[in-house]
Amino acid sequence: MTAMLRRLRLLVARDDSGDGGTAIIEFVFVAVIVMVPLVYLLVAVAVVQRSQLAVTQAAREAGRAFATSDTARDADLRAPAAVRL
């Protein structure tokens, strides 16, 4: 039993593969590879969401400007002005 323990200790002591300290480098590399596309996707979704909200608000304001105008000619002028604002 003690001979097996000595042999196991020698094997463990010799198992110096030389890649000590590279785990953090590998983690950072993989994290960058995963995080860059994720951030790009989040920015793209945010741009689409912002555009959708802007169009919705512009349509709402144009409808309000059109509905509250006194004449049809005034409504035709106010609706595009409200959308531009």
N, C-alpha and C. Protein backbone atom coordinates (compact mmCIF):
# COMPACT_ATOMS: atom_id res chain seq x y z
N MET A 1 0.82 -1.19 0.00
CA MET A 1 0.00 0.00 0.00
C MET A 1 0.86 1.26 0.00
N THR A 2 1.91 1.28 0.78
CA THR A 2 2.77 2.45 0.83
C THR A 2 3.55 2.62 -0.47
N ALA A 3 3.85 1.53 -1.12
CA ALA A 3 4.56 1.63 -2.41
C ALA A 3 3.65 2.27 -3.45
N MET A 4 2.38 1.93 -3.41
CA MET A 4 1.43 2.54 -4.36
C MET A 4 1.27 4.02 -4.07
N LEU A 5 1.26 4.40 -2.80
CA LEU A 5 1.14 5.81 -2.44
C LEU A 5 2.36 6.60 -2.90
N ARG A 6 3.56 5.98 -2.72
CA ARG A 6 4.78 6.66 -3.19
C ARG A 6 4.76 6.82 -4.70
N ARG A 7 4.33 5.77 -5.41
CA ARG A 7 4.28 5.83 -6.87
C ARG A 7 3.26 6.89 -7.33
N LEU A 8 2.11 6.96 -6.63
CA LEU A 8 1.10 7.96 -6.96
C LEU A 8 1.62 9.37 -6.70
N ARG A 9 2.34 9.57 -5.61
CA ARG A 9 2.92 10.88 -5.32
C ARG A 9 3.93 11.27 -6.38
N LEU A 10 4.72 10.33 -6.84
CA LEU A 10 5.69 10.63 -7.90
C LEU A 10 4.98 11.02 -9.19
N LEU A 11 3.90 10.33 -9.51
CA LEU A 11 3.15 10.66 -10.72
C LEU A 11 2.51 12.04 -10.62
N VAL A 12 1.97 12.34 -9.45
CA VAL A 12 1.35 13.64 -9.27
C VAL A 12 2.41 14.73 -9.30
N ALA A 13 3.55 14.48 -8.71
CA ALA A 13 4.62 15.47 -8.68
C ALA A 13 5.17 15.72 -10.08
N ARG A 14 5.20 14.68 -10.92
CA ARG A 14 5.73 14.82 -12.28
C ARG A 14 4.72 15.43 -13.24
N ASP A 15 3.46 15.48 -12.87
CA ASP A 15 2.42 15.95 -13.79
C ASP A 15 2.42 17.48 -13.85
N ASP A 16 3.48 18.01 -14.39
CA ASP A 16 3.59 19.45 -14.59
C ASP A 16 3.45 19.70 -16.09
N SER A 17 2.21 19.96 -16.52
CA SER A 17 1.95 20.08 -17.95
C SER A 17 2.35 21.43 -18.52
N GLY A 18 2.67 22.40 -17.68
CA GLY A 18 3.18 23.66 -18.17
C GLY A 18 2.13 24.66 -18.58
N ASP A 19 0.86 24.41 -18.31
CA ASP A 19 -0.16 25.37 -18.68
C ASP A 19 -0.77 26.03 -17.44
N GLY A 20 0.03 26.22 -16.45
CA GLY A 20 -0.44 26.88 -15.24
C GLY A 20 -0.63 28.37 -15.50
N GLY A 21 -1.78 28.89 -15.11
CA GLY A 21 -2.05 30.31 -15.27
C GLY A 21 -2.68 30.69 -16.59
N THR A 22 -2.98 29.74 -17.46
CA THR A 22 -3.58 30.09 -18.75
C THR A 22 -5.10 30.03 -18.71
N ALA A 23 -5.67 29.57 -17.61
CA ALA A 23 -7.13 29.46 -17.54
C ALA A 23 -7.79 30.83 -17.64
N ILE A 24 -7.21 31.83 -17.00
CA ILE A 24 -7.80 33.17 -17.05
C ILE A 24 -7.74 33.74 -18.47
N ILE A 25 -6.68 33.45 -19.17
CA ILE A 25 -6.56 33.93 -20.56
C ILE A 25 -7.61 33.27 -21.43
N GLU A 26 -7.79 31.96 -21.25
CA GLU A 26 -8.80 31.25 -22.02
C GLU A 26 -10.20 31.76 -21.67
N PHE A 27 -10.45 32.02 -20.40
CA PHE A 27 -11.77 32.52 -19.99
C PHE A 27 -12.04 33.88 -20.61
N VAL A 28 -11.07 34.76 -20.57
CA VAL A 28 -11.25 36.10 -21.15
C VAL A 28 -11.48 36.00 -22.65
N PHE A 29 -10.73 35.15 -23.31
CA PHE A 29 -10.88 34.98 -24.75
C PHE A 29 -12.28 34.48 -25.10
N VAL A 30 -12.75 33.47 -24.41
CA VAL A 30 -14.09 32.93 -24.67
C VAL A 30 -15.16 33.95 -24.30
N ALA A 31 -14.96 34.67 -23.20
CA ALA A 31 -15.93 35.68 -22.79
C ALA A 31 -16.05 36.78 -23.84
N VAL A 32 -14.94 37.20 -24.41
CA VAL A 32 -14.98 38.23 -25.46
C VAL A 32 -15.69 37.70 -26.70
N ILE A 33 -15.41 36.47 -27.06
CA ILE A 33 -16.05 35.88 -28.24
C ILE A 33 -17.56 35.78 -28.04
N VAL A 34 -17.99 35.52 -26.82
CA VAL A 34 -19.42 35.39 -26.55
C VAL A 34 -20.07 36.77 -26.33
N MET A 35 -19.38 37.67 -25.67
CA MET A 35 -20.00 38.93 -25.28
C MET A 35 -20.12 39.93 -26.43
N VAL A 36 -19.18 39.95 -27.34
CA VAL A 36 -19.24 40.92 -28.44
C VAL A 36 -20.49 40.72 -29.30
N PRO A 37 -20.79 39.51 -29.75
CA PRO A 37 -22.04 39.36 -30.51
C PRO A 37 -23.28 39.63 -29.67
N LEU A 38 -23.23 39.30 -28.39
CA LEU A 38 -24.37 39.56 -27.52
C LEU A 38 -24.63 41.05 -27.37
N VAL A 39 -23.60 41.82 -27.18
CA VAL A 39 -23.74 43.28 -27.08
C VAL A 39 -24.24 43.85 -28.41
N TYR A 40 -23.71 43.35 -29.51
CA TYR A 40 -24.16 43.80 -30.83
C TYR A 40 -25.64 43.51 -31.02
N LEU A 41 -26.09 42.33 -30.60
CA LEU A 41 -27.50 41.97 -30.71
C LEU A 41 -28.36 42.88 -29.84
N LEU A 42 -27.92 43.18 -28.63
CA LEU A 42 -28.68 44.06 -27.75
C LEU A 42 -28.79 45.47 -28.32
N VAL A 43 -27.72 45.96 -28.91
CA VAL A 43 -27.76 47.30 -29.52
C VAL A 43 -28.70 47.31 -30.71
N ALA A 44 -28.68 46.25 -31.52
CA ALA A 44 -29.57 46.18 -32.68
C ALA A 44 -31.03 46.14 -32.24
N VAL A 45 -31.33 45.37 -31.22
CA VAL A 45 -32.70 45.30 -30.72
C VAL A 45 -33.13 46.66 -30.15
N ALA A 46 -32.23 47.33 -29.47
CA ALA A 46 -32.56 48.65 -28.91
C ALA A 46 -32.85 49.66 -30.01
N VAL A 47 -32.11 49.61 -31.10
CA VAL A 47 -32.35 50.54 -32.22
C VAL A 47 -33.71 50.27 -32.85
N VAL A 48 -34.04 49.01 -33.04
CA VAL A 48 -35.34 48.66 -33.62
C VAL A 48 -36.47 49.10 -32.69
N GLN A 49 -36.30 48.86 -31.40
CA GLN A 49 -37.32 49.25 -30.43
C GLN A 49 -37.49 50.78 -30.40
N ARG A 50 -36.37 51.49 -30.43
CA ARG A 50 -36.44 52.96 -30.43
C ARG A 50 -37.18 53.47 -31.66
N SER A 51 -36.90 52.88 -32.81
CA SER A 51 -37.58 53.30 -34.05
C SER A 51 -39.07 53.01 -33.99
N GLN A 52 -39.42 51.85 -33.46
CA GLN A 52 -40.82 51.50 -33.36
C GLN A 52 -41.56 52.46 -32.43
N LEU A 53 -40.97 52.79 -31.32
CA LEU A 53 -41.60 53.72 -30.39
C LEU A 53 -41.73 55.12 -30.99
N ALA A 54 -40.73 55.53 -31.77
CA ALA A 54 -40.80 56.85 -32.40
C ALA A 54 -41.92 56.91 -33.43
N VAL A 55 -42.08 55.87 -34.21
CA VAL A 55 -43.14 55.85 -35.22
C VAL A 55 -44.51 55.84 -34.55
N THR A 56 -44.64 55.07 -33.48
CA THR A 56 -45.91 55.03 -32.76
C THR A 56 -46.27 56.40 -32.19
N GLN A 57 -45.29 57.06 -31.60
CA GLN A 57 -45.55 58.38 -31.03
C GLN A 57 -45.86 59.41 -32.11
N ALA A 58 -45.18 59.33 -33.24
CA ALA A 58 -45.45 60.27 -34.34
C ALA A 58 -46.86 60.08 -34.88
N ALA A 59 -47.28 58.83 -35.01
CA ALA A 59 -48.64 58.58 -35.50
C ALA A 59 -49.68 59.08 -34.51
N ARG A 60 -49.42 58.89 -33.23
CA ARG A 60 -50.35 59.37 -32.21
C ARG A 60 -50.47 60.89 -32.23
N GLU A 61 -49.34 61.56 -32.32
CA GLU A 61 -49.36 63.03 -32.35
C GLU A 61 -50.00 63.57 -33.63
N ALA A 62 -49.76 62.89 -34.76
CA ALA A 62 -50.40 63.32 -36.01
C ALA A 62 -51.91 63.16 -35.92
N GLY A 63 -52.35 62.07 -35.32
CA GLY A 63 -53.80 61.86 -35.15
C GLY A 63 -54.42 62.91 -34.25
N ARG A 64 -53.73 63.25 -33.19
CA ARG A 64 -54.24 64.29 -32.29
C ARG A 64 -54.30 65.65 -32.98
N ALA A 65 -53.24 65.97 -33.72
CA ALA A 65 -53.22 67.25 -34.42
C ALA A 65 -54.32 67.31 -35.48
N PHE A 66 -54.54 66.20 -36.16
CA PHE A 66 -55.58 66.15 -37.19
C PHE A 66 -56.96 66.27 -36.57
N ALA A 67 -57.18 65.59 -35.45
CA ALA A 67 -58.51 65.56 -34.84
C ALA A 67 -58.86 66.88 -34.16
N THR A 68 -57.87 67.60 -33.68
CA THR A 68 -58.17 68.85 -32.97
C THR A 68 -58.15 70.08 -33.86
N SER A 69 -57.91 69.91 -35.14
CA SER A 69 -57.89 71.08 -36.02
C SER A 69 -59.31 71.51 -36.37
N ASP A 70 -59.42 72.78 -36.74
CA ASP A 70 -60.74 73.35 -37.01
C ASP A 70 -61.21 73.08 -38.43
N THR A 71 -60.31 73.14 -39.39
CA THR A 71 -60.70 72.96 -40.79
C THR A 71 -59.89 71.82 -41.40
N ALA A 72 -60.37 71.32 -42.54
CA ALA A 72 -59.67 70.23 -43.22
C ALA A 72 -58.31 70.68 -43.75
N ARG A 73 -58.28 71.93 -44.23
CA ARG A 73 -57.01 72.46 -44.74
C ARG A 73 -55.99 72.59 -43.60
N ASP A 74 -56.45 73.07 -42.46
CA ASP A 74 -55.59 73.20 -41.29
C ASP A 74 -55.11 71.82 -40.81
N ALA A 75 -55.99 70.82 -40.91
CA ALA A 75 -55.63 69.46 -40.49
C ALA A 75 -54.53 68.89 -41.38
N ASP A 76 -54.64 69.18 -42.71
CA ASP A 76 -53.61 68.69 -43.63
C ASP A 76 -52.25 69.32 -43.36
N LEU A 77 -52.21 70.51 -42.82
CA LEU A 77 -50.94 71.17 -42.51
C LEU A 77 -50.40 70.77 -41.14
N ARG A 78 -51.32 70.56 -40.18
CA ARG A 78 -50.87 70.28 -38.82
C ARG A 78 -50.35 68.86 -38.63
N ALA A 79 -50.93 67.89 -39.34
CA ALA A 79 -50.52 66.49 -39.14
C ALA A 79 -49.05 66.26 -39.54
N PRO A 80 -48.60 66.69 -40.70
CA PRO A 80 -47.17 66.50 -41.04
C PRO A 80 -46.24 67.30 -40.11
N ALA A 81 -46.70 68.45 -39.66
CA ALA A 81 -45.88 69.23 -38.73
C ALA A 81 -45.73 68.49 -37.40
N ALA A 82 -46.78 67.85 -36.95
CA ALA A 82 -46.72 67.08 -35.69
C ALA A 82 -45.80 65.88 -35.85
N VAL A 83 -45.81 65.25 -37.01
CA VAL A 83 -44.93 64.09 -37.24
C VAL A 83 -43.47 64.53 -37.24
N ARG A 84 -43.18 65.66 -37.85
CA ARG A 84 -41.78 66.15 -37.87
C ARG A 84 -41.28 66.48 -36.49
N LEU A 85 -42.18 67.02 -35.64
CA LEU A 85 -41.78 67.34 -34.27
C LEU A 85 -41.48 66.09 -33.49
